[in-house]
Amino acid sequence: MDFSRVDRLQSQILKEISDIVANDLRDSPPTMITFTRAEVTRDLKYAKVFYSVLKQENVQKSQEFLQRHAGVIRHLVGRRMRIRTLPEIAFRYDASTENVMKVNEILERLKHDENES
């Protein structure tokens, strides 16, 4: 399987950010944050890093935490990775896990209703 430079960079950025948030920041996140994927533009100038949290009510607090620490996180990623230009990092909530859970719940209800009929 042939991975492009962008793919390798996305994977490395995701790994480094996960480690930095878990171990290197002075204050800890308000809840457990799981980084799900990173999307880096072809020109390597911008990166969107997607995350999820266990409880919906923690999304806002987590977003504020990540925005508050974005500069420090970017600086630490830059120190760990040897690339000429480090992309600007933007954090986005990934609702895909939540959507999968809702679909599964609907399918279970349909299955239950079908069995009752």
C-alpha atoms as a PDB file:
ATOM      1  CA  MET A   1       0.000   0.000   0.000  1.00  0.00           C
ATOM      2  CA  ASP A   2       1.473   3.331  -1.042  1.00  0.00           C
ATOM      3  CA  PHE A   3       0.906   6.230   1.347  1.00  0.00           C
ATOM      4  CA  SER A   4       1.352   9.802   0.216  1.00  0.00           C
ATOM      5  CA  ARG A   5       3.219  12.401   2.205  1.00  0.00           C
ATOM      6  CA  VAL A   6      -0.083  13.962   3.274  1.00  0.00           C
ATOM      7  CA  ASP A   7      -1.319  10.611   4.609  1.00  0.00           C
ATOM      8  CA  ARG A   8       1.857  10.072   6.610  1.00  0.00           C
ATOM      9  CA  LEU A   9       1.719  13.625   7.962  1.00  0.00           C
ATOM     10  CA  GLN A  10      -1.934  13.214   8.997  1.00  0.00           C
ATOM     11  CA  SER A  11      -1.112  10.028  10.863  1.00  0.00           C
ATOM     12  CA  GLN A  12       1.916  11.539  12.592  1.00  0.00           C
ATOM     13  CA  ILE A  13       0.089  14.737  13.604  1.00  0.00           C
ATOM     14  CA  LEU A  14      -2.753  12.685  15.087  1.00  0.00           C
ATOM     15  CA  LYS A  15      -0.313  10.541  17.065  1.00  0.00           C
ATOM     16  CA  GLU A  16       1.655  13.524  18.372  1.00  0.00           C
ATOM     17  CA  ILE A  17      -1.420  15.547  19.372  1.00  0.00           C
ATOM     18  CA  SER A  18      -2.907  12.579  21.224  1.00  0.00           C
ATOM     19  CA  ASP A  19       0.304  12.132  23.174  1.00  0.00           C
ATOM     20  CA  ILE A  20       0.715  15.857  23.883  1.00  0.00           C
ATOM     21  CA  VAL A  21      -2.827  16.302  25.219  1.00  0.00           C
ATOM     22  CA  ALA A  22      -2.541  13.163  27.340  1.00  0.00           C
ATOM     23  CA  ASN A  23       0.922  13.823  28.788  1.00  0.00           C
ATOM     24  CA  ASP A  24       2.509  17.215  28.101  1.00  0.00           C
ATOM     25  CA  LEU A  25       0.019  19.959  28.932  1.00  0.00           C
ATOM     26  CA  ARG A  26       0.105  21.608  32.356  1.00  0.00           C
ATOM     27  CA  ASP A  27      -3.619  21.222  32.961  1.00  0.00           C
ATOM     28  CA  SER A  28      -5.627  18.183  32.012  1.00  0.00           C
ATOM     29  CA  PRO A  29      -8.610  18.128  29.656  1.00  0.00           C
ATOM     30  CA  PRO A  30     -12.101  18.413  31.208  1.00  0.00           C
ATOM     31  CA  THR A  31     -12.914  14.903  29.996  1.00  0.00           C
ATOM     32  CA  MET A  32     -11.282  12.124  28.034  1.00  0.00           C
ATOM     33  CA  ILE A  33     -10.720  13.337  24.470  1.00  0.00           C
ATOM     34  CA  THR A  34     -10.207  10.840  21.672  1.00  0.00           C
ATOM     35  CA  PHE A  35      -8.660  12.152  18.465  1.00  0.00           C
ATOM     36  CA  THR A  36     -10.277  10.334  15.568  1.00  0.00           C
ATOM     37  CA  ARG A  37      -8.669  11.694  12.406  1.00  0.00           C
ATOM     38  CA  ALA A  38      -6.713  14.535  10.880  1.00  0.00           C
ATOM     39  CA  GLU A  39      -7.176  16.154   7.486  1.00  0.00           C
ATOM     40  CA  VAL A  40      -4.201  18.066   6.105  1.00  0.00           C
ATOM     41  CA  THR A  41      -4.530  20.161   2.955  1.00  0.00           C
ATOM     42  CA  ARG A  42      -2.365  19.212  -0.034  1.00  0.00           C
ATOM     43  CA  ASP A  43      -0.257  22.352   0.380  1.00  0.00           C
ATOM     44  CA  LEU A  44       0.388  21.296   4.023  1.00  0.00           C
ATOM     45  CA  LYS A  45      -0.670  24.695   5.392  1.00  0.00           C
ATOM     46  CA  TYR A  46      -3.789  23.716   7.326  1.00  0.00           C
ATOM     47  CA  ALA A  47      -4.871  20.717   9.371  1.00  0.00           C
ATOM     48  CA  LYS A  48      -8.259  19.885  10.848  1.00  0.00           C
ATOM     49  CA  VAL A  49      -8.012  17.518  13.779  1.00  0.00           C
ATOM     50  CA  PHE A  50     -11.250  15.772  14.694  1.00  0.00           C
ATOM     51  CA  TYR A  51     -12.009  14.565  18.213  1.00  0.00           C
ATOM     52  CA  SER A  52     -14.799  12.894  20.125  1.00  0.00           C
ATOM     53  CA  VAL A  53     -15.833  12.783  23.773  1.00  0.00           C
ATOM     54  CA  LEU A  54     -17.944  10.291  25.673  1.00  0.00           C
ATOM     55  CA  LYS A  55     -20.695  12.625  26.841  1.00  0.00           C
ATOM     56  CA  GLN A  56     -22.362  15.208  24.621  1.00  0.00           C
ATOM     57  CA  GLU A  57     -22.423  17.811  27.411  1.00  0.00           C
ATOM     58  CA  ASN A  58     -18.592  17.842  27.468  1.00  0.00           C
ATOM     59  CA  VAL A  59     -18.172  18.919  23.826  1.00  0.00           C
ATOM     60  CA  GLN A  60     -18.193  22.666  24.522  1.00  0.00           C
ATOM     61  CA  LYS A  61     -15.733  22.406  27.424  1.00  0.00           C
ATOM     62  CA  SER A  62     -13.430  20.222  25.346  1.00  0.00           C
ATOM     63  CA  GLN A  63     -13.565  22.613  22.387  1.00  0.00           C
ATOM     64  CA  GLU A  64     -12.694  25.548  24.661  1.00  0.00           C
ATOM     65  CA  PHE A  65      -9.832  23.564  26.195  1.00  0.00           C
ATOM     66  CA  LEU A  66      -8.393  22.673  22.784  1.00  0.00           C
ATOM     67  CA  GLN A  67      -8.747  26.223  21.447  1.00  0.00           C
ATOM     68  CA  ARG A  68      -7.084  27.619  24.567  1.00  0.00           C
ATOM     69  CA  HIS A  69      -4.134  25.223  24.148  1.00  0.00           C
ATOM     70  CA  ALA A  70      -3.944  25.219  20.322  1.00  0.00           C
ATOM     71  CA  GLY A  71      -0.807  27.380  20.197  1.00  0.00           C
ATOM     72  CA  VAL A  72       1.064  25.284  22.753  1.00  0.00           C
ATOM     73  CA  ILE A  73      -0.035  22.051  21.068  1.00  0.00           C
ATOM     74  CA  ARG A  74       1.140  23.329  17.670  1.00  0.00           C
ATOM     75  CA  HIS A  75       4.473  24.419  19.152  1.00  0.00           C
ATOM     76  CA  LEU A  76       5.038  21.020  20.777  1.00  0.00           C
ATOM     77  CA  VAL A  77       4.066  19.183  17.581  1.00  0.00           C
ATOM     78  CA  GLY A  78       6.584  21.343  15.708  1.00  0.00           C
ATOM     79  CA  ARG A  79       9.337  20.419  18.155  1.00  0.00           C
ATOM     80  CA  ARG A  80       8.607  16.717  17.750  1.00  0.00           C
ATOM     81  CA  MET A  81       8.278  16.634  13.968  1.00  0.00           C
ATOM     82  CA  ARG A  82      10.915  17.730  11.524  1.00  0.00           C
ATOM     83  CA  ILE A  83       9.007  19.402   8.729  1.00  0.00           C
ATOM     84  CA  ARG A  84       9.669  22.721   7.075  1.00  0.00           C
ATOM     85  CA  THR A  85       6.270  24.286   7.656  1.00  0.00           C
ATOM     86  CA  LEU A  86       3.917  23.048  10.317  1.00  0.00           C
ATOM     87  CA  PRO A  87       0.231  23.342   9.395  1.00  0.00           C
ATOM     88  CA  GLU A  88      -2.124  25.621  11.294  1.00  0.00           C
ATOM     89  CA  ILE A  89      -4.215  23.319  13.461  1.00  0.00           C
ATOM     90  CA  ALA A  90      -7.975  23.643  13.927  1.00  0.00           C
ATOM     91  CA  PHE A  91      -9.925  21.309  16.198  1.00  0.00           C
ATOM     92  CA  ARG A  92     -13.374  20.054  15.174  1.00  0.00           C
ATOM     93  CA  TYR A  93     -15.863  17.842  16.995  1.00  0.00           C
ATOM     94  CA  ASP A  94     -16.433  14.525  15.227  1.00  0.00           C
ATOM     95  CA  ALA A  95     -20.066  13.501  15.578  1.00  0.00           C
ATOM     96  CA  SER A  96     -19.699  10.304  13.543  1.00  0.00           C
ATOM     97  CA  THR A  97     -19.501   8.059  16.629  1.00  0.00           C
ATOM     98  CA  GLU A  98     -22.637   9.642  18.006  1.00  0.00           C
ATOM     99  CA  ASN A  99     -24.393   9.171  14.654  1.00  0.00           C
ATOM    100  CA  VAL A 100     -23.435   5.492  14.529  1.00  0.00           C
ATOM    101  CA  MET A 101     -24.874   4.978  17.999  1.00  0.00           C
ATOM    102  CA  LYS A 102     -28.152   6.650  16.967  1.00  0.00           C
ATOM    103  CA  VAL A 103     -28.431   4.485  13.838  1.00  0.00           C
ATOM    104  CA  ASN A 104     -27.777   1.336  15.876  1.00  0.00           C
ATOM    105  CA  GLU A 105     -30.425   2.379  18.381  1.00  0.00           C
ATOM    106  CA  ILE A 106     -32.972   2.911  15.580  1.00  0.00           C
ATOM    107  CA  LEU A 107     -32.123  -0.457  14.021  1.00  0.00           C
ATOM    108  CA  GLU A 108     -32.523  -2.192  17.382  1.00  0.00           C
ATOM    109  CA  ARG A 109     -35.941  -0.559  17.869  1.00  0.00           C
ATOM    110  CA  LEU A 110     -37.014  -1.640  14.376  1.00  0.00           C
ATOM    111  CA  LYS A 111     -35.821  -5.174  15.037  1.00  0.00           C
ATOM    112  CA  HIS A 112     -37.650  -5.227  18.374  1.00  0.00           C
ATOM    113  CA  ASP A 113     -40.869  -3.905  16.756  1.00  0.00           C
ATOM    114  CA  GLU A 114     -40.589  -6.485  13.972  1.00  0.00           C
ATOM    115  CA  ASN A 115     -40.215  -9.324  16.493  1.00  0.00           C
ATOM    116  CA  GLU A 116     -43.329  -8.130  18.364  1.00  0.00           C
ATOM    117  CA  SER A 117     -45.400  -8.175  15.170  1.00  0.00           C
END
